[in-house]
């Protein structure tokens, strides 16, 4: 995340906080960024200097006016005017980080060899919440190449309990004894 993205994302979050719009703007930012990921040509169009600034702003009004909160629309226009519209995803990331910190939410990612059962997922979330004292927002992914076990990434740390990791530890232990 760039300094610009952090600054702008944090500024939008502070405005949302002051106006009690955190949840609404979070959901709308997520929606806008999802749309832009699905339509990268629109992102390029709004960022293009080939179109006059007034035309790009009019396109934003046409696409999002009345569909998102005016604060978010104005935020997008500011990014457009400053030639930084392509940074909206990073601004959203900064907004999410500020939101999560304020609300005691820790995102965690689990990668497992097979899909977790509902019971496994529940136990994992409970264990992580006990460890952190915060609410866990779990992202799940399956990677059959792990063979077995799971790997959890949270707060910049990796907890690896995969078969591959265990085999590597065993290999190192055997080599150390040689």
C-alpha atoms as a PDB file:
ATOM      1  CA  UNK A   1       0.000   0.000   0.000  1.00  0.00           C
ATOM      2  CA  UNK A   2       1.389   3.384  -0.961  1.00  0.00           C
ATOM      3  CA  UNK A   3       1.460   6.434   1.287  1.00  0.00           C
ATOM      4  CA  UNK A   4      -1.152   8.092  -0.945  1.00  0.00           C
ATOM      5  CA  UNK A   5      -3.506   5.110  -0.594  1.00  0.00           C
ATOM      6  CA  UNK A   6      -3.063   5.044   3.171  1.00  0.00           C
ATOM      7  CA  UNK A   7      -3.583   8.791   3.522  1.00  0.00           C
ATOM      8  CA  UNK A   8      -6.700   8.876   1.356  1.00  0.00           C
ATOM      9  CA  UNK A   9      -8.173   5.651   2.751  1.00  0.00           C
ATOM     10  CA  UNK A  10      -7.604   6.812   6.329  1.00  0.00           C
ATOM     11  CA  UNK A  11      -9.154  10.204   5.549  1.00  0.00           C
ATOM     12  CA  UNK A  12     -12.286   8.590   4.121  1.00  0.00           C
ATOM     13  CA  UNK A  13     -12.464   6.293   7.142  1.00  0.00           C
ATOM     14  CA  UNK A  14     -12.214   9.235   9.564  1.00  0.00           C
ATOM     15  CA  UNK A  15     -15.042  10.991   7.734  1.00  0.00           C
ATOM     16  CA  UNK A  16     -17.130   7.796   7.832  1.00  0.00           C
ATOM     17  CA  UNK A  17     -16.416   7.433  11.548  1.00  0.00           C
ATOM     18  CA  UNK A  18     -17.403  11.031  12.315  1.00  0.00           C
ATOM     19  CA  UNK A  19     -20.639  10.650  10.350  1.00  0.00           C
ATOM     20  CA  UNK A  20     -21.442   7.109  11.622  1.00  0.00           C
ATOM     21  CA  UNK A  21     -21.197   5.744   8.090  1.00  0.00           C
ATOM     22  CA  UNK A  22     -18.410   3.195   8.590  1.00  0.00           C
ATOM     23  CA  UNK A  23     -20.417   0.084   7.692  1.00  0.00           C
ATOM     24  CA  UNK A  24     -22.266   1.708   4.801  1.00  0.00           C
ATOM     25  CA  UNK A  25     -19.146   3.121   3.176  1.00  0.00           C
ATOM     26  CA  UNK A  26     -17.220  -0.109   3.770  1.00  0.00           C
ATOM     27  CA  UNK A  27     -19.891  -2.119   1.942  1.00  0.00           C
ATOM     28  CA  UNK A  28     -20.097   0.420  -0.863  1.00  0.00           C
ATOM     29  CA  UNK A  29     -16.302   0.620  -1.272  1.00  0.00           C
ATOM     30  CA  UNK A  30     -16.173  -3.166  -1.452  1.00  0.00           C
ATOM     31  CA  UNK A  31     -18.896  -3.119  -4.093  1.00  0.00           C
ATOM     32  CA  UNK A  32     -17.240  -0.390  -6.164  1.00  0.00           C
ATOM     33  CA  UNK A  33     -13.854  -2.136  -6.055  1.00  0.00           C
ATOM     34  CA  UNK A  34     -15.458  -5.465  -7.025  1.00  0.00           C
ATOM     35  CA  UNK A  35     -17.120  -3.770 -10.013  1.00  0.00           C
ATOM     36  CA  UNK A  36     -13.836  -2.199 -11.051  1.00  0.00           C
ATOM     37  CA  UNK A  37     -12.038  -5.566 -10.821  1.00  0.00           C
ATOM     38  CA  UNK A  38     -14.721  -7.038 -13.091  1.00  0.00           C
ATOM     39  CA  UNK A  39     -14.443  -4.070 -15.477  1.00  0.00           C
ATOM     40  CA  UNK A  40     -10.774  -3.042 -15.636  1.00  0.00           C
ATOM     41  CA  UNK A  41     -11.423  -1.116 -18.848  1.00  0.00           C
ATOM     42  CA  UNK A  42     -13.664   1.289 -16.881  1.00  0.00           C
ATOM     43  CA  UNK A  43     -10.859   1.827 -14.374  1.00  0.00           C
ATOM     44  CA  UNK A  44      -8.482   2.638 -17.255  1.00  0.00           C
ATOM     45  CA  UNK A  45     -11.066   4.947 -18.841  1.00  0.00           C
ATOM     46  CA  UNK A  46     -11.532   6.987 -15.659  1.00  0.00           C
ATOM     47  CA  UNK A  47      -7.776   7.169 -15.208  1.00  0.00           C
ATOM     48  CA  UNK A  48      -7.102   8.094 -18.823  1.00  0.00           C
ATOM     49  CA  UNK A  49      -5.746  11.559 -19.556  1.00  0.00           C
ATOM     50  CA  UNK A  50      -7.089  11.190 -23.122  1.00  0.00           C
ATOM     51  CA  UNK A  51     -10.509  12.232 -21.800  1.00  0.00           C
ATOM     52  CA  UNK A  52     -11.047  15.668 -20.345  1.00  0.00           C
ATOM     53  CA  UNK A  53     -11.355  15.722 -16.555  1.00  0.00           C
ATOM     54  CA  UNK A  54     -14.937  16.995 -16.803  1.00  0.00           C
ATOM     55  CA  UNK A  55     -15.870  14.012 -18.977  1.00  0.00           C
ATOM     56  CA  UNK A  56     -14.302  11.541 -16.543  1.00  0.00           C
ATOM     57  CA  UNK A  57     -16.140  13.157 -13.615  1.00  0.00           C
ATOM     58  CA  UNK A  58     -19.387  13.016 -15.588  1.00  0.00           C
ATOM     59  CA  UNK A  59     -18.815   9.297 -16.188  1.00  0.00           C
ATOM     60  CA  UNK A  60     -18.443   8.773 -12.441  1.00  0.00           C
ATOM     61  CA  UNK A  61     -21.666  10.712 -11.821  1.00  0.00           C
ATOM     62  CA  UNK A  62     -23.465   8.655 -14.440  1.00  0.00           C
ATOM     63  CA  UNK A  63     -22.223   5.314 -13.129  1.00  0.00           C
ATOM     64  CA  UNK A  64     -22.397   5.918  -9.381  1.00  0.00           C
ATOM     65  CA  UNK A  65     -24.594   8.963  -8.746  1.00  0.00           C
ATOM     66  CA  UNK A  66     -27.534   7.981  -6.538  1.00  0.00           C
ATOM     67  CA  UNK A  67     -26.083   4.471  -6.110  1.00  0.00           C
ATOM     68  CA  UNK A  68     -23.372   5.222  -3.566  1.00  0.00           C
ATOM     69  CA  UNK A  69     -23.209   7.690  -0.716  1.00  0.00           C
ATOM     70  CA  UNK A  70     -22.272  11.203  -1.897  1.00  0.00           C
ATOM     71  CA  UNK A  71     -19.131  11.077   0.285  1.00  0.00           C
ATOM     72  CA  UNK A  72     -17.905   8.028  -1.604  1.00  0.00           C
ATOM     73  CA  UNK A  73     -18.769   9.549  -4.972  1.00  0.00           C
ATOM     74  CA  UNK A  74     -16.902  12.735  -4.052  1.00  0.00           C
ATOM     75  CA  UNK A  75     -13.979  10.630  -2.838  1.00  0.00           C
ATOM     76  CA  UNK A  76     -13.820   8.892  -6.221  1.00  0.00           C
ATOM     77  CA  UNK A  77     -13.985  12.260  -7.970  1.00  0.00           C
ATOM     78  CA  UNK A  78     -11.090  13.562  -5.874  1.00  0.00           C
ATOM     79  CA  UNK A  79      -9.020  10.530  -6.854  1.00  0.00           C
ATOM     80  CA  UNK A  80      -9.951  11.135 -10.491  1.00  0.00           C
ATOM     81  CA  UNK A  81      -9.073  14.831 -10.325  1.00  0.00           C
ATOM     82  CA  UNK A  82      -5.701  14.057  -8.760  1.00  0.00           C
ATOM     83  CA  UNK A  83      -4.901  11.410 -11.368  1.00  0.00           C
ATOM     84  CA  UNK A  84      -4.975   8.655  -8.762  1.00  0.00           C
ATOM     85  CA  UNK A  85      -8.213   6.812  -9.532  1.00  0.00           C
ATOM     86  CA  UNK A  86      -6.340   3.573 -10.169  1.00  0.00           C
ATOM     87  CA  UNK A  87      -5.336   3.681  -6.475  1.00  0.00           C
ATOM     88  CA  UNK A  88      -8.904   3.193  -5.249  1.00  0.00           C
ATOM     89  CA  UNK A  89      -8.258  -0.471  -4.376  1.00  0.00           C
ATOM     90  CA  UNK A  90      -5.364   0.472  -2.098  1.00  0.00           C
ATOM     91  CA  UNK A  91      -7.501   3.215  -0.530  1.00  0.00           C
ATOM     92  CA  UNK A  92     -10.152   0.580   0.159  1.00  0.00           C
ATOM     93  CA  UNK A  93      -7.497  -1.617   1.771  1.00  0.00           C
ATOM     94  CA  UNK A  94      -6.444   1.254   4.062  1.00  0.00           C
ATOM     95  CA  UNK A  95     -10.107   1.905   4.923  1.00  0.00           C
ATOM     96  CA  UNK A  96     -10.585  -1.801   5.785  1.00  0.00           C
ATOM     97  CA  UNK A  97      -7.474  -1.844   7.969  1.00  0.00           C
ATOM     98  CA  UNK A  98      -8.689   1.200   9.915  1.00  0.00           C
ATOM     99  CA  UNK A  99     -12.176  -0.317  10.207  1.00  0.00           C
ATOM    100  CA  UNK A 100     -10.814  -3.646  11.441  1.00  0.00           C
ATOM    101  CA  UNK A 101      -8.545  -1.984  14.001  1.00  0.00           C
ATOM    102  CA  UNK A 102     -11.405   0.103  15.355  1.00  0.00           C
ATOM    103  CA  UNK A 103     -13.738  -2.888  15.583  1.00  0.00           C
ATOM    104  CA  UNK A 104     -11.239  -5.440  16.914  1.00  0.00           C
ATOM    105  CA  UNK A 105     -11.293  -7.586  13.791  1.00  0.00           C
ATOM    106  CA  UNK A 106      -8.294  -9.601  12.636  1.00  0.00           C
ATOM    107  CA  UNK A 107      -8.351 -11.060   9.138  1.00  0.00           C
ATOM    108  CA  UNK A 108      -6.887 -14.549   8.910  1.00  0.00           C
ATOM    109  CA  UNK A 109      -6.352 -16.817   5.945  1.00  0.00           C
ATOM    110  CA  UNK A 110      -6.400 -20.579   6.200  1.00  0.00           C
ATOM    111  CA  UNK A 111      -5.147 -22.790   3.399  1.00  0.00           C
ATOM    112  CA  UNK A 112      -6.024 -26.451   3.793  1.00  0.00           C
ATOM    113  CA  UNK A 113      -5.580 -29.574   1.724  1.00  0.00           C
ATOM    114  CA  UNK A 114      -9.329 -30.242   1.793  1.00  0.00           C
ATOM    115  CA  UNK A 115     -12.291 -28.006   2.602  1.00  0.00           C
ATOM    116  CA  UNK A 116     -12.737 -27.455   6.330  1.00  0.00           C
ATOM    117  CA  UNK A 117     -15.865 -28.888   7.888  1.00  0.00           C
ATOM    118  CA  UNK A 118     -18.148 -26.469   9.723  1.00  0.00           C
ATOM    119  CA  UNK A 119     -16.886 -27.933  13.015  1.00  0.00           C
ATOM    120  CA  UNK A 120     -13.210 -27.534  12.034  1.00  0.00           C
ATOM    121  CA  UNK A 121     -13.827 -23.963  10.939  1.00  0.00           C
ATOM    122  CA  UNK A 122     -15.628 -23.165  14.184  1.00  0.00           C
ATOM    123  CA  UNK A 123     -12.831 -24.672  16.317  1.00  0.00           C
ATOM    124  CA  UNK A 124     -10.173 -22.826  14.325  1.00  0.00           C
ATOM    125  CA  UNK A 125     -11.963 -19.480  14.690  1.00  0.00           C
ATOM    126  CA  UNK A 126     -12.466 -20.068  18.413  1.00  0.00           C
ATOM    127  CA  UNK A 127      -8.777 -20.921  18.887  1.00  0.00           C
ATOM    128  CA  UNK A 128      -7.631 -17.856  16.934  1.00  0.00           C
ATOM    129  CA  UNK A 129     -10.051 -15.580  18.787  1.00  0.00           C
ATOM    130  CA  UNK A 130      -8.778 -16.943  22.097  1.00  0.00           C
ATOM    131  CA  UNK A 131      -5.191 -16.343  20.987  1.00  0.00           C
ATOM    132  CA  UNK A 132      -5.822 -12.771  19.790  1.00  0.00           C
ATOM    133  CA  UNK A 133      -8.714 -11.634  21.962  1.00  0.00           C
ATOM    134  CA  UNK A 134     -10.291 -10.259  18.792  1.00  0.00           C
ATOM    135  CA  UNK A 135     -12.922 -11.253  16.268  1.00  0.00           C
ATOM    136  CA  UNK A 136     -11.505 -13.356  13.440  1.00  0.00           C
ATOM    137  CA  UNK A 137     -12.574 -12.785   9.851  1.00  0.00           C
ATOM    138  CA  UNK A 138     -11.567 -16.046   8.178  1.00  0.00           C
ATOM    139  CA  UNK A 139     -10.759 -16.414   4.496  1.00  0.00           C
ATOM    140  CA  UNK A 140     -10.575 -20.048   3.417  1.00  0.00           C
ATOM    141  CA  UNK A 141      -8.737 -21.562   0.474  1.00  0.00           C
ATOM    142  CA  UNK A 142      -8.120 -25.151  -0.571  1.00  0.00           C
ATOM    143  CA  UNK A 143      -4.761 -26.254  -1.988  1.00  0.00           C
ATOM    144  CA  UNK A 144      -4.630 -29.990  -2.660  1.00  0.00           C
ATOM    145  CA  UNK A 145      -0.837 -29.820  -3.058  1.00  0.00           C
ATOM    146  CA  UNK A 146      -0.573 -29.481   0.734  1.00  0.00           C
ATOM    147  CA  UNK A 147      -1.502 -33.193   0.990  1.00  0.00           C
ATOM    148  CA  UNK A 148      -2.783 -32.718   4.554  1.00  0.00           C
ATOM    149  CA  UNK A 149      -3.017 -30.233   7.393  1.00  0.00           C
ATOM    150  CA  UNK A 150      -3.429 -26.485   7.151  1.00  0.00           C
ATOM    151  CA  UNK A 151      -1.529 -23.218   7.116  1.00  0.00           C
ATOM    152  CA  UNK A 152      -2.883 -20.092   8.821  1.00  0.00           C
ATOM    153  CA  UNK A 153      -1.661 -16.566   8.088  1.00  0.00           C
ATOM    154  CA  UNK A 154      -2.662 -13.835  10.521  1.00  0.00           C
ATOM    155  CA  UNK A 155      -1.139 -10.559  11.734  1.00  0.00           C
ATOM    156  CA  UNK A 156       1.878 -11.031   9.477  1.00  0.00           C
ATOM    157  CA  UNK A 157       2.654 -14.454  10.978  1.00  0.00           C
ATOM    158  CA  UNK A 158       2.380 -17.895   9.444  1.00  0.00           C
ATOM    159  CA  UNK A 159       1.383 -20.970  11.428  1.00  0.00           C
ATOM    160  CA  UNK A 160       2.209 -23.986   9.299  1.00  0.00           C
ATOM    161  CA  UNK A 161       0.782 -27.343  10.314  1.00  0.00           C
ATOM    162  CA  UNK A 162       0.867 -28.957   6.882  1.00  0.00           C
ATOM    163  CA  UNK A 163       2.227 -32.396   6.094  1.00  0.00           C
ATOM    164  CA  UNK A 164       4.893 -30.770   3.923  1.00  0.00           C
ATOM    165  CA  UNK A 165       6.017 -28.588   6.834  1.00  0.00           C
ATOM    166  CA  UNK A 166       6.172 -31.539   9.211  1.00  0.00           C
ATOM    167  CA  UNK A 167       8.180 -33.541   6.680  1.00  0.00           C
ATOM    168  CA  UNK A 168      10.601 -30.638   6.264  1.00  0.00           C
ATOM    169  CA  UNK A 169      11.104 -30.398  10.051  1.00  0.00           C
ATOM    170  CA  UNK A 170      11.723 -34.139  10.187  1.00  0.00           C
ATOM    171  CA  UNK A 171      14.215 -33.910   7.304  1.00  0.00           C
ATOM    172  CA  UNK A 172      16.119 -31.124   9.068  1.00  0.00           C
ATOM    173  CA  UNK A 173      16.165 -33.054  12.333  1.00  0.00           C
ATOM    174  CA  UNK A 174      17.567 -36.117  10.577  1.00  0.00           C
ATOM    175  CA  UNK A 175      20.192 -34.058   8.768  1.00  0.00           C
ATOM    176  CA  UNK A 176      21.207 -32.403  12.036  1.00  0.00           C
ATOM    177  CA  UNK A 177      21.838 -35.828  13.577  1.00  0.00           C
ATOM    178  CA  UNK A 178      24.059 -36.952  10.691  1.00  0.00           C
END
